[in-house]
Amino acid sequence: VQQIADYPNLGPYLRDIYQHPGVAD
């Protein structure tokens, strides 16, 4: 129905958590 990247808040939230120290690895 929709990609997460297209949500105005879920998309940035996903990137925010990914960029939290240690998570990306």
mmCIF file of all heavy atoms, coordinates in Angstrom:
data_MODEL
# 
_entry.id   MODEL 
# 
loop_
_atom_site.group_PDB 
_atom_site.id 
_atom_site.type_symbol 
_atom_site.label_atom_id 
_atom_site.label_alt_id 
_atom_site.label_comp_id 
_atom_site.label_asym_id 
_atom_site.label_entity_id 
_atom_site.label_seq_id 
_atom_site.pdbx_PDB_ins_code 
_atom_site.Cartn_x 
_atom_site.Cartn_y 
_atom_site.Cartn_z 
_atom_site.occupancy 
_atom_site.B_iso_or_equiv 
_atom_site.pdbx_formal_charge 
_atom_site.auth_seq_id 
_atom_site.auth_comp_id 
_atom_site.auth_asym_id 
_atom_site.auth_atom_id 
_atom_site.pdbx_PDB_model_num 
ATOM 1   N N   . VAL A 1 1  ? 0.835  -1.199 0.000  1.00 0.00 ? 1  VAL A N   1 
ATOM 2   C CA  . VAL A 1 1  ? 0.000  0.000  0.000  1.00 0.00 ? 1  VAL A CA  1 
ATOM 3   C C   . VAL A 1 1  ? 0.873  1.254  0.000  1.00 0.00 ? 1  VAL A C   1 
ATOM 4   O O   . VAL A 1 1  ? 0.588  2.231  -0.687 1.00 0.00 ? 1  VAL A O   1 
ATOM 5   C CB  . VAL A 1 1  ? -0.954 0.000  1.219  1.00 0.00 ? 1  VAL A CB  1 
ATOM 6   C CG1 . VAL A 1 1  ? -1.725 1.312  1.307  1.00 0.00 ? 1  VAL A CG1 1 
ATOM 7   C CG2 . VAL A 1 1  ? -1.915 -1.188 1.139  1.00 0.00 ? 1  VAL A CG2 1 
ATOM 8   N N   . GLN A 1 2  ? 1.959  1.197  0.752  1.00 0.00 ? 2  GLN A N   1 
ATOM 9   C CA  . GLN A 1 2  ? 2.858  2.351  0.850  1.00 0.00 ? 2  GLN A CA  1 
ATOM 10  C C   . GLN A 1 2  ? 4.212  1.890  1.351  1.00 0.00 ? 2  GLN A C   1 
ATOM 11  O O   . GLN A 1 2  ? 4.312  0.919  2.114  1.00 0.00 ? 2  GLN A O   1 
ATOM 12  C CB  . GLN A 1 2  ? 2.279  3.400  1.812  1.00 0.00 ? 2  GLN A CB  1 
ATOM 13  C CG  . GLN A 1 2  ? 3.006  4.734  1.799  1.00 0.00 ? 2  GLN A CG  1 
ATOM 14  C CD  . GLN A 1 2  ? 2.235  5.799  2.564  1.00 0.00 ? 2  GLN A CD  1 
ATOM 15  O OE1 . GLN A 1 2  ? 1.058  5.625  2.880  1.00 0.00 ? 2  GLN A OE1 1 
ATOM 16  N NE2 . GLN A 1 2  ? 2.888  6.901  2.860  1.00 0.00 ? 2  GLN A NE2 1 
ATOM 17  N N   . GLN A 1 3  ? 5.279  2.546  0.921  1.00 0.00 ? 3  GLN A N   1 
ATOM 18  C CA  . GLN A 1 3  ? 6.607  2.269  1.430  1.00 0.00 ? 3  GLN A CA  1 
ATOM 19  C C   . GLN A 1 3  ? 6.872  3.103  2.682  1.00 0.00 ? 3  GLN A C   1 
ATOM 20  O O   . GLN A 1 3  ? 6.331  4.198  2.832  1.00 0.00 ? 3  GLN A O   1 
ATOM 21  C CB  . GLN A 1 3  ? 7.668  2.578  0.376  1.00 0.00 ? 3  GLN A CB  1 
ATOM 22  C CG  . GLN A 1 3  ? 7.664  1.647  -0.811 1.00 0.00 ? 3  GLN A CG  1 
ATOM 23  C CD  . GLN A 1 3  ? 8.845  1.903  -1.731 1.00 0.00 ? 3  GLN A CD  1 
ATOM 24  O OE1 . GLN A 1 3  ? 9.218  3.056  -1.962 1.00 0.00 ? 3  GLN A OE1 1 
ATOM 25  N NE2 . GLN A 1 3  ? 9.429  0.845  -2.258 1.00 0.00 ? 3  GLN A NE2 1 
ATOM 26  N N   . ILE A 1 4  ? 7.711  2.596  3.564  1.00 0.00 ? 4  ILE A N   1 
ATOM 27  C CA  . ILE A 1 4  ? 8.051  3.336  4.778  1.00 0.00 ? 4  ILE A CA  1 
ATOM 28  C C   . ILE A 1 4  ? 8.760  4.638  4.423  1.00 0.00 ? 4  ILE A C   1 
ATOM 29  O O   . ILE A 1 4  ? 8.557  5.672  5.080  1.00 0.00 ? 4  ILE A O   1 
ATOM 30  C CB  . ILE A 1 4  ? 8.927  2.485  5.711  1.00 0.00 ? 4  ILE A CB  1 
ATOM 31  C CG1 . ILE A 1 4  ? 8.166  1.221  6.153  1.00 0.00 ? 4  ILE A CG1 1 
ATOM 32  C CG2 . ILE A 1 4  ? 9.361  3.294  6.938  1.00 0.00 ? 4  ILE A CG2 1 
ATOM 33  C CD1 . ILE A 1 4  ? 6.848  1.489  6.859  1.00 0.00 ? 4  ILE A CD1 1 
ATOM 34  N N   . ALA A 1 5  ? 9.573  4.624  3.378  1.00 0.00 ? 5  ALA A N   1 
ATOM 35  C CA  . ALA A 1 5  ? 10.313 5.825  2.972  1.00 0.00 ? 5  ALA A CA  1 
ATOM 36  C C   . ALA A 1 5  ? 9.391  6.975  2.610  1.00 0.00 ? 5  ALA A C   1 
ATOM 37  O O   . ALA A 1 5  ? 9.799  8.147  2.651  1.00 0.00 ? 5  ALA A O   1 
ATOM 38  C CB  . ALA A 1 5  ? 11.231 5.501  1.798  1.00 0.00 ? 5  ALA A CB  1 
ATOM 39  N N   . ASP A 1 6  ? 8.129  6.664  2.265  1.00 0.00 ? 6  ASP A N   1 
ATOM 40  C CA  . ASP A 1 6  ? 7.184  7.703  1.840  1.00 0.00 ? 6  ASP A CA  1 
ATOM 41  C C   . ASP A 1 6  ? 6.375  8.294  2.988  1.00 0.00 ? 6  ASP A C   1 
ATOM 42  O O   . ASP A 1 6  ? 5.664  9.283  2.796  1.00 0.00 ? 6  ASP A O   1 
ATOM 43  C CB  . ASP A 1 6  ? 6.232  7.142  0.781  1.00 0.00 ? 6  ASP A CB  1 
ATOM 44  C CG  . ASP A 1 6  ? 6.963  6.746  -0.491 1.00 0.00 ? 6  ASP A CG  1 
ATOM 45  O OD1 . ASP A 1 6  ? 8.001  7.362  -0.779 1.00 0.00 ? 6  ASP A OD1 1 
ATOM 46  O OD2 . ASP A 1 6  ? 6.500  5.817  -1.179 1.00 0.00 ? 6  ASP A OD2 1 
ATOM 47  N N   . TYR A 1 7  ? 6.469  7.716  4.172  1.00 0.00 ? 7  TYR A N   1 
ATOM 48  C CA  . TYR A 1 7  ? 5.759  8.268  5.329  1.00 0.00 ? 7  TYR A CA  1 
ATOM 49  C C   . TYR A 1 7  ? 6.512  9.497  5.839  1.00 0.00 ? 7  TYR A C   1 
ATOM 50  O O   . TYR A 1 7  ? 7.739  9.465  5.977  1.00 0.00 ? 7  TYR A O   1 
ATOM 51  C CB  . TYR A 1 7  ? 5.664  7.237  6.452  1.00 0.00 ? 7  TYR A CB  1 
ATOM 52  C CG  . TYR A 1 7  ? 4.568  6.216  6.298  1.00 0.00 ? 7  TYR A CG  1 
ATOM 53  C CD1 . TYR A 1 7  ? 4.808  4.999  5.671  1.00 0.00 ? 7  TYR A CD1 1 
ATOM 54  C CD2 . TYR A 1 7  ? 3.293  6.455  6.794  1.00 0.00 ? 7  TYR A CD2 1 
ATOM 55  C CE1 . TYR A 1 7  ? 3.808  4.045  5.538  1.00 0.00 ? 7  TYR A CE1 1 
ATOM 56  C CE2 . TYR A 1 7  ? 2.280  5.517  6.673  1.00 0.00 ? 7  TYR A CE2 1 
ATOM 57  C CZ  . TYR A 1 7  ? 2.544  4.310  6.042  1.00 0.00 ? 7  TYR A CZ  1 
ATOM 58  O OH  . TYR A 1 7  ? 1.552  3.374  5.915  1.00 0.00 ? 7  TYR A OH  1 
ATOM 59  N N   . PRO A 1 8  ? 5.801  10.570 6.169  1.00 0.00 ? 8  PRO A N   1 
ATOM 60  C CA  . PRO A 1 8  ? 6.487  11.799 6.593  1.00 0.00 ? 8  PRO A CA  1 
ATOM 61  C C   . PRO A 1 8  ? 7.222  11.669 7.917  1.00 0.00 ? 8  PRO A C   1 
ATOM 62  O O   . PRO A 1 8  ? 8.209  12.378 8.150  1.00 0.00 ? 8  PRO A O   1 
ATOM 63  C CB  . PRO A 1 8  ? 5.344  12.820 6.701  1.00 0.00 ? 8  PRO A CB  1 
ATOM 64  C CG  . PRO A 1 8  ? 4.098  12.013 6.854  1.00 0.00 ? 8  PRO A CG  1 
ATOM 65  C CD  . PRO A 1 8  ? 4.339  10.756 6.072  1.00 0.00 ? 8  PRO A CD  1 
ATOM 66  N N   . ASN A 1 9  ? 6.782  10.749 8.790  1.00 0.00 ? 9  ASN A N   1 
ATOM 67  C CA  . ASN A 1 9  ? 7.428  10.611 10.097 1.00 0.00 ? 9  ASN A CA  1 
ATOM 68  C C   . ASN A 1 9  ? 8.078  9.246  10.291 1.00 0.00 ? 9  ASN A C   1 
ATOM 69  O O   . ASN A 1 9  ? 9.160  9.163  10.876 1.00 0.00 ? 9  ASN A O   1 
ATOM 70  C CB  . ASN A 1 9  ? 6.403  10.872 11.211 1.00 0.00 ? 9  ASN A CB  1 
ATOM 71  C CG  . ASN A 1 9  ? 5.797  12.262 11.084 1.00 0.00 ? 9  ASN A CG  1 
ATOM 72  O OD1 . ASN A 1 9  ? 6.504  13.262 11.175 1.00 0.00 ? 9  ASN A OD1 1 
ATOM 73  N ND2 . ASN A 1 9  ? 4.498  12.328 10.851 1.00 0.00 ? 9  ASN A ND2 1 
ATOM 74  N N   . LEU A 1 10 ? 7.447  8.179  9.826  1.00 0.00 ? 10 LEU A N   1 
ATOM 75  C CA  . LEU A 1 10 ? 8.043  6.854  9.968  1.00 0.00 ? 10 LEU A CA  1 
ATOM 76  C C   . LEU A 1 10 ? 9.353  6.742  9.202  1.00 0.00 ? 10 LEU A C   1 
ATOM 77  O O   . LEU A 1 10 ? 10.307 6.102  9.668  1.00 0.00 ? 10 LEU A O   1 
ATOM 78  C CB  . LEU A 1 10 ? 7.076  5.769  9.487  1.00 0.00 ? 10 LEU A CB  1 
ATOM 79  C CG  . LEU A 1 10 ? 5.971  5.340  10.452 1.00 0.00 ? 10 LEU A CG  1 
ATOM 80  C CD1 . LEU A 1 10 ? 5.026  4.367  9.768  1.00 0.00 ? 10 LEU A CD1 1 
ATOM 81  C CD2 . LEU A 1 10 ? 6.549  4.716  11.717 1.00 0.00 ? 10 LEU A CD2 1 
ATOM 82  N N   . GLY A 1 11 ? 9.430  7.367  8.020  1.00 0.00 ? 11 GLY A N   1 
ATOM 83  C CA  . GLY A 1 11 ? 10.668 7.322  7.248  1.00 0.00 ? 11 GLY A CA  1 
ATOM 84  C C   . GLY A 1 11 ? 11.833 7.976  7.981  1.00 0.00 ? 11 GLY A C   1 
ATOM 85  O O   . GLY A 1 11 ? 12.883 7.353  8.178  1.00 0.00 ? 11 GLY A O   1 
ATOM 86  N N   . PRO A 1 12 ? 11.697 9.235  8.422  1.00 0.00 ? 12 PRO A N   1 
ATOM 87  C CA  . PRO A 1 12 ? 12.763 9.854  9.217  1.00 0.00 ? 12 PRO A CA  1 
ATOM 88  C C   . PRO A 1 12 ? 13.036 9.135  10.536 1.00 0.00 ? 12 PRO A C   1 
ATOM 89  O O   . PRO A 1 12 ? 14.180 9.067  10.984 1.00 0.00 ? 12 PRO A O   1 
ATOM 90  C CB  . PRO A 1 12 ? 12.231 11.279 9.455  1.00 0.00 ? 12 PRO A CB  1 
ATOM 91  C CG  . PRO A 1 12 ? 11.322 11.528 8.294  1.00 0.00 ? 12 PRO A CG  1 
ATOM 92  C CD  . PRO A 1 12 ? 10.663 10.209 8.025  1.00 0.00 ? 12 PRO A CD  1 
ATOM 93  N N   . TYR A 1 13 ? 11.989 8.609  11.171 1.00 0.00 ? 13 TYR A N   1 
ATOM 94  C CA  . TYR A 1 13 ? 12.159 7.855  12.415 1.00 0.00 ? 13 TYR A CA  1 
ATOM 95  C C   . TYR A 1 13 ? 13.027 6.621  12.177 1.00 0.00 ? 13 TYR A C   1 
ATOM 96  O O   . TYR A 1 13 ? 13.936 6.322  12.975 1.00 0.00 ? 13 TYR A O   1 
ATOM 97  C CB  . TYR A 1 13 ? 10.779 7.458  12.944 1.00 0.00 ? 13 TYR A CB  1 
ATOM 98  C CG  . TYR A 1 13 ? 10.760 6.427  14.048 1.00 0.00 ? 13 TYR A CG  1 
ATOM 99  C CD1 . TYR A 1 13 ? 10.967 6.791  15.378 1.00 0.00 ? 13 TYR A CD1 1 
ATOM 100 C CD2 . TYR A 1 13 ? 10.487 5.091  13.755 1.00 0.00 ? 13 TYR A CD2 1 
ATOM 101 C CE1 . TYR A 1 13 ? 10.914 5.838  16.396 1.00 0.00 ? 13 TYR A CE1 1 
ATOM 102 C CE2 . TYR A 1 13 ? 10.431 4.137  14.760 1.00 0.00 ? 13 TYR A CE2 1 
ATOM 103 C CZ  . TYR A 1 13 ? 10.655 4.514  16.079 1.00 0.00 ? 13 TYR A CZ  1 
ATOM 104 O OH  . TYR A 1 13 ? 10.600 3.567  17.062 1.00 0.00 ? 13 TYR A OH  1 
ATOM 105 N N   . LEU A 1 14 ? 12.770 5.908  11.087 1.00 0.00 ? 14 LEU A N   1 
ATOM 106 C CA  . LEU A 1 14 ? 13.585 4.753  10.748 1.00 0.00 ? 14 LEU A CA  1 
ATOM 107 C C   . LEU A 1 14 ? 15.054 5.142  10.605 1.00 0.00 ? 14 LEU A C   1 
ATOM 108 O O   . LEU A 1 14 ? 15.943 4.481  11.148 1.00 0.00 ? 14 LEU A O   1 
ATOM 109 C CB  . LEU A 1 14 ? 13.077 4.131  9.447  1.00 0.00 ? 14 LEU A CB  1 
ATOM 110 C CG  . LEU A 1 14 ? 13.964 3.106  8.747  1.00 0.00 ? 14 LEU A CG  1 
ATOM 111 C CD1 . LEU A 1 14 ? 14.300 1.936  9.660  1.00 0.00 ? 14 LEU A CD1 1 
ATOM 112 C CD2 . LEU A 1 14 ? 13.302 2.612  7.462  1.00 0.00 ? 14 LEU A CD2 1 
ATOM 113 N N   . ARG A 1 15 ? 15.317 6.243  9.909  1.00 0.00 ? 15 ARG A N   1 
ATOM 114 C CA  . ARG A 1 15 ? 16.697 6.692  9.736  1.00 0.00 ? 15 ARG A CA  1 
ATOM 115 C C   . ARG A 1 15 ? 17.308 7.129  11.068 1.00 0.00 ? 15 ARG A C   1 
ATOM 116 O O   . ARG A 1 15 ? 18.490 6.895  11.325 1.00 0.00 ? 15 ARG A O   1 
ATOM 117 C CB  . ARG A 1 15 ? 16.766 7.840  8.721  1.00 0.00 ? 15 ARG A CB  1 
ATOM 118 C CG  . ARG A 1 15 ? 16.265 7.458  7.336  1.00 0.00 ? 15 ARG A CG  1 
ATOM 119 C CD  . ARG A 1 15 ? 16.773 8.428  6.275  1.00 0.00 ? 15 ARG A CD  1 
ATOM 120 N NE  . ARG A 1 15 ? 16.525 9.824  6.580  1.00 0.00 ? 15 ARG A NE  1 
ATOM 121 C CZ  . ARG A 1 15 ? 15.408 10.477 6.305  1.00 0.00 ? 15 ARG A CZ  1 
ATOM 122 N NH1 . ARG A 1 15 ? 14.389 9.849  5.728  1.00 0.00 ? 15 ARG A NH1 1 
ATOM 123 N NH2 . ARG A 1 15 ? 15.275 11.760 6.612  1.00 0.00 ? 15 ARG A NH2 1 
ATOM 124 N N   . ASP A 1 16 ? 16.515 7.752  11.912 1.00 0.00 ? 16 ASP A N   1 
ATOM 125 C CA  . ASP A 1 16 ? 16.987 8.204  13.217 1.00 0.00 ? 16 ASP A CA  1 
ATOM 126 C C   . ASP A 1 16 ? 17.452 7.019  14.064 1.00 0.00 ? 16 ASP A C   1 
ATOM 127 O O   . ASP A 1 16 ? 18.528 7.060  14.685 1.00 0.00 ? 16 ASP A O   1 
ATOM 128 C CB  . ASP A 1 16 ? 15.862 8.966  13.922 1.00 0.00 ? 16 ASP A CB  1 
ATOM 129 C CG  . ASP A 1 16 ? 16.331 9.700  15.182 1.00 0.00 ? 16 ASP A CG  1 
ATOM 130 O OD1 . ASP A 1 16 ? 17.541 9.907  15.330 1.00 0.00 ? 16 ASP A OD1 1 
ATOM 131 O OD2 . ASP A 1 16 ? 15.462 10.072 15.991 1.00 0.00 ? 16 ASP A OD2 1 
ATOM 132 N N   . ILE A 1 17 ? 16.656 5.948  14.107 1.00 0.00 ? 17 ILE A N   1 
ATOM 133 C CA  . ILE A 1 17 ? 17.039 4.770  14.884 1.00 0.00 ? 17 ILE A CA  1 
ATOM 134 C C   . ILE A 1 17 ? 18.255 4.101  14.250 1.00 0.00 ? 17 ILE A C   1 
ATOM 135 O O   . ILE A 1 17 ? 19.195 3.692  14.953 1.00 0.00 ? 17 ILE A O   1 
ATOM 136 C CB  . ILE A 1 17 ? 15.882 3.764  14.988 1.00 0.00 ? 17 ILE A CB  1 
ATOM 137 C CG1 . ILE A 1 17 ? 14.616 4.424  15.572 1.00 0.00 ? 17 ILE A CG1 1 
ATOM 138 C CG2 . ILE A 1 17 ? 16.290 2.560  15.838 1.00 0.00 ? 17 ILE A CG2 1 
ATOM 139 C CD1 . ILE A 1 17 ? 14.778 4.998  16.944 1.00 0.00 ? 17 ILE A CD1 1 
ATOM 140 N N   . TYR A 1 18 ? 18.280 4.000  12.943 1.00 0.00 ? 18 TYR A N   1 
ATOM 141 C CA  . TYR A 1 18 ? 19.422 3.395  12.241 1.00 0.00 ? 18 TYR A CA  1 
ATOM 142 C C   . TYR A 1 18 ? 20.715 4.126  12.572 1.00 0.00 ? 18 TYR A C   1 
ATOM 143 O O   . TYR A 1 18 ? 21.776 3.506  12.726 1.00 0.00 ? 18 TYR A O   1 
ATOM 144 C CB  . TYR A 1 18 ? 19.149 3.430  10.740 1.00 0.00 ? 18 TYR A CB  1 
ATOM 145 C CG  . TYR A 1 18 ? 20.251 2.847  9.886  1.00 0.00 ? 18 TYR A CG  1 
ATOM 146 C CD1 . TYR A 1 18 ? 20.300 1.479  9.611  1.00 0.00 ? 18 TYR A CD1 1 
ATOM 147 C CD2 . TYR A 1 18 ? 21.242 3.654  9.330  1.00 0.00 ? 18 TYR A CD2 1 
ATOM 148 C CE1 . TYR A 1 18 ? 21.308 0.937  8.824  1.00 0.00 ? 18 TYR A CE1 1 
ATOM 149 C CE2 . TYR A 1 18 ? 22.255 3.127  8.542  1.00 0.00 ? 18 TYR A CE2 1 
ATOM 150 C CZ  . TYR A 1 18 ? 22.281 1.763  8.290  1.00 0.00 ? 18 TYR A CZ  1 
ATOM 151 O OH  . TYR A 1 18 ? 23.280 1.238  7.509  1.00 0.00 ? 18 TYR A OH  1 
ATOM 152 N N   . GLN A 1 19 ? 20.626 5.451  12.695 1.00 0.00 ? 19 GLN A N   1 
ATOM 153 C CA  . GLN A 1 19 ? 21.808 6.259  12.962 1.00 0.00 ? 19 GLN A CA  1 
ATOM 154 C C   . GLN A 1 19 ? 22.166 6.349  14.445 1.00 0.00 ? 19 GLN A C   1 
ATOM 155 O O   . GLN A 1 19 ? 23.183 6.939  14.811 1.00 0.00 ? 19 GLN A O   1 
ATOM 156 C CB  . GLN A 1 19 ? 21.604 7.672  12.385 1.00 0.00 ? 19 GLN A CB  1 
ATOM 157 C CG  . GLN A 1 19 ? 21.524 7.697  10.869 1.00 0.00 ? 19 GLN A CG  1 
ATOM 158 C CD  . GLN A 1 19 ? 20.991 9.001  10.309 1.00 0.00 ? 19 GLN A CD  1 
ATOM 159 O OE1 . GLN A 1 19 ? 21.083 10.052 10.940 1.00 0.00 ? 19 GLN A OE1 1 
ATOM 160 N NE2 . GLN A 1 19 ? 20.404 8.948  9.118  1.00 0.00 ? 19 GLN A NE2 1 
ATOM 161 N N   . HIS A 1 20 ? 21.339 5.750  15.301 1.00 0.00 ? 20 HIS A N   1 
ATOM 162 C CA  . HIS A 1 20 ? 21.664 5.683  16.731 1.00 0.00 ? 20 HIS A CA  1 
ATOM 163 C C   . HIS A 1 20 ? 22.953 4.886  16.888 1.00 0.00 ? 20 HIS A C   1 
ATOM 164 O O   . HIS A 1 20 ? 23.119 3.835  16.253 1.00 0.00 ? 20 HIS A O   1 
ATOM 165 C CB  . HIS A 1 20 ? 20.519 5.003  17.491 1.00 0.00 ? 20 HIS A CB  1 
ATOM 166 C CG  . HIS A 1 20 ? 20.644 5.074  18.970 1.00 0.00 ? 20 HIS A CG  1 
ATOM 167 N ND1 . HIS A 1 20 ? 20.082 6.065  19.730 1.00 0.00 ? 20 HIS A ND1 1 
ATOM 168 C CD2 . HIS A 1 20 ? 21.288 4.262  19.852 1.00 0.00 ? 20 HIS A CD2 1 
ATOM 169 C CE1 . HIS A 1 20 ? 20.349 5.865  21.005 1.00 0.00 ? 20 HIS A CE1 1 
ATOM 170 N NE2 . HIS A 1 20 ? 21.093 4.781  21.100 1.00 0.00 ? 20 HIS A NE2 1 
ATOM 171 N N   . PRO A 1 21 ? 23.906 5.335  17.709 1.00 0.00 ? 21 PRO A N   1 
ATOM 172 C CA  . PRO A 1 21 ? 25.198 4.645  17.816 1.00 0.00 ? 21 PRO A CA  1 
ATOM 173 C C   . PRO A 1 21 ? 25.061 3.147  18.054 1.00 0.00 ? 21 PRO A C   1 
ATOM 174 O O   . PRO A 1 21 ? 24.394 2.715  18.996 1.00 0.00 ? 21 PRO A O   1 
ATOM 175 C CB  . PRO A 1 21 ? 25.865 5.351  19.005 1.00 0.00 ? 21 PRO A CB  1 
ATOM 176 C CG  . PRO A 1 21 ? 25.281 6.729  18.993 1.00 0.00 ? 21 PRO A CG  1 
ATOM 177 C CD  . PRO A 1 21 ? 23.851 6.545  18.563 1.00 0.00 ? 21 PRO A CD  1 
ATOM 178 N N   . GLY A 1 22 ? 25.684 2.363  17.177 1.00 0.00 ? 22 GLY A N   1 
ATOM 179 C CA  . GLY A 1 22 ? 25.700 0.915  17.308 1.00 0.00 ? 22 GLY A CA  1 
ATOM 180 C C   . GLY A 1 22 ? 24.659 0.179  16.501 1.00 0.00 ? 22 GLY A C   1 
ATOM 181 O O   . GLY A 1 22 ? 24.808 -1.014 16.234 1.00 0.00 ? 22 GLY A O   1 
ATOM 182 N N   . VAL A 1 23 ? 23.587 0.851  16.087 1.00 0.00 ? 23 VAL A N   1 
ATOM 183 C CA  . VAL A 1 23 ? 22.488 0.153  15.426 1.00 0.00 ? 23 VAL A CA  1 
ATOM 184 C C   . VAL A 1 23 ? 22.832 -0.213 13.988 1.00 0.00 ? 23 VAL A C   1 
ATOM 185 O O   . VAL A 1 23 ? 22.562 -1.337 13.524 1.00 0.00 ? 23 VAL A O   1 
ATOM 186 C CB  . VAL A 1 23 ? 21.187 0.981  15.488 1.00 0.00 ? 23 VAL A CB  1 
ATOM 187 C CG1 . VAL A 1 23 ? 20.088 0.327  14.652 1.00 0.00 ? 23 VAL A CG1 1 
ATOM 188 C CG2 . VAL A 1 23 ? 20.725 1.130  16.939 1.00 0.00 ? 23 VAL A CG2 1 
ATOM 189 N N   . ALA A 1 24 ? 23.410 0.699  13.232 1.00 0.00 ? 24 ALA A N   1 
ATOM 190 C CA  . ALA A 1 24 ? 23.688 0.448  11.810 1.00 0.00 ? 24 ALA A CA  1 
ATOM 191 C C   . ALA A 1 24 ? 24.519 -0.811 11.615 1.00 0.00 ? 24 ALA A C   1 
ATOM 192 O O   . ALA A 1 24 ? 24.302 -1.565 10.648 1.00 0.00 ? 24 ALA A O   1 
ATOM 193 C CB  . ALA A 1 24 ? 24.390 1.653  11.191 1.00 0.00 ? 24 ALA A CB  1 
ATOM 194 N N   . ASP A 1 25 ? 25.449 -1.076 12.514 1.00 0.00 ? 25 ASP A N   1 
ATOM 195 C CA  . ASP A 1 25 ? 26.315 -2.248 12.375 1.00 0.00 ? 25 ASP A CA  1 
ATOM 196 C C   . ASP A 1 25 ? 25.565 -3.560 12.530 1.00 0.00 ? 25 ASP A C   1 
ATOM 197 O O   . ASP A 1 25 ? 26.102 -4.621 12.187 1.00 0.00 ? 25 ASP A O   1 
ATOM 198 C CB  . ASP A 1 25 ? 27.446 -2.196 13.401 1.00 0.00 ? 25 ASP A CB  1 
ATOM 199 C CG  . ASP A 1 25 ? 28.463 -1.115 13.086 1.00 0.00 ? 25 ASP A CG  1 
ATOM 200 O OD1 . ASP A 1 25 ? 28.516 -0.663 11.924 1.00 0.00 ? 25 ASP A OD1 1 
ATOM 201 O OD2 . ASP A 1 25 ? 29.208 -0.707 14.013 1.00 0.00 ? 25 ASP A OD2 1 
# 
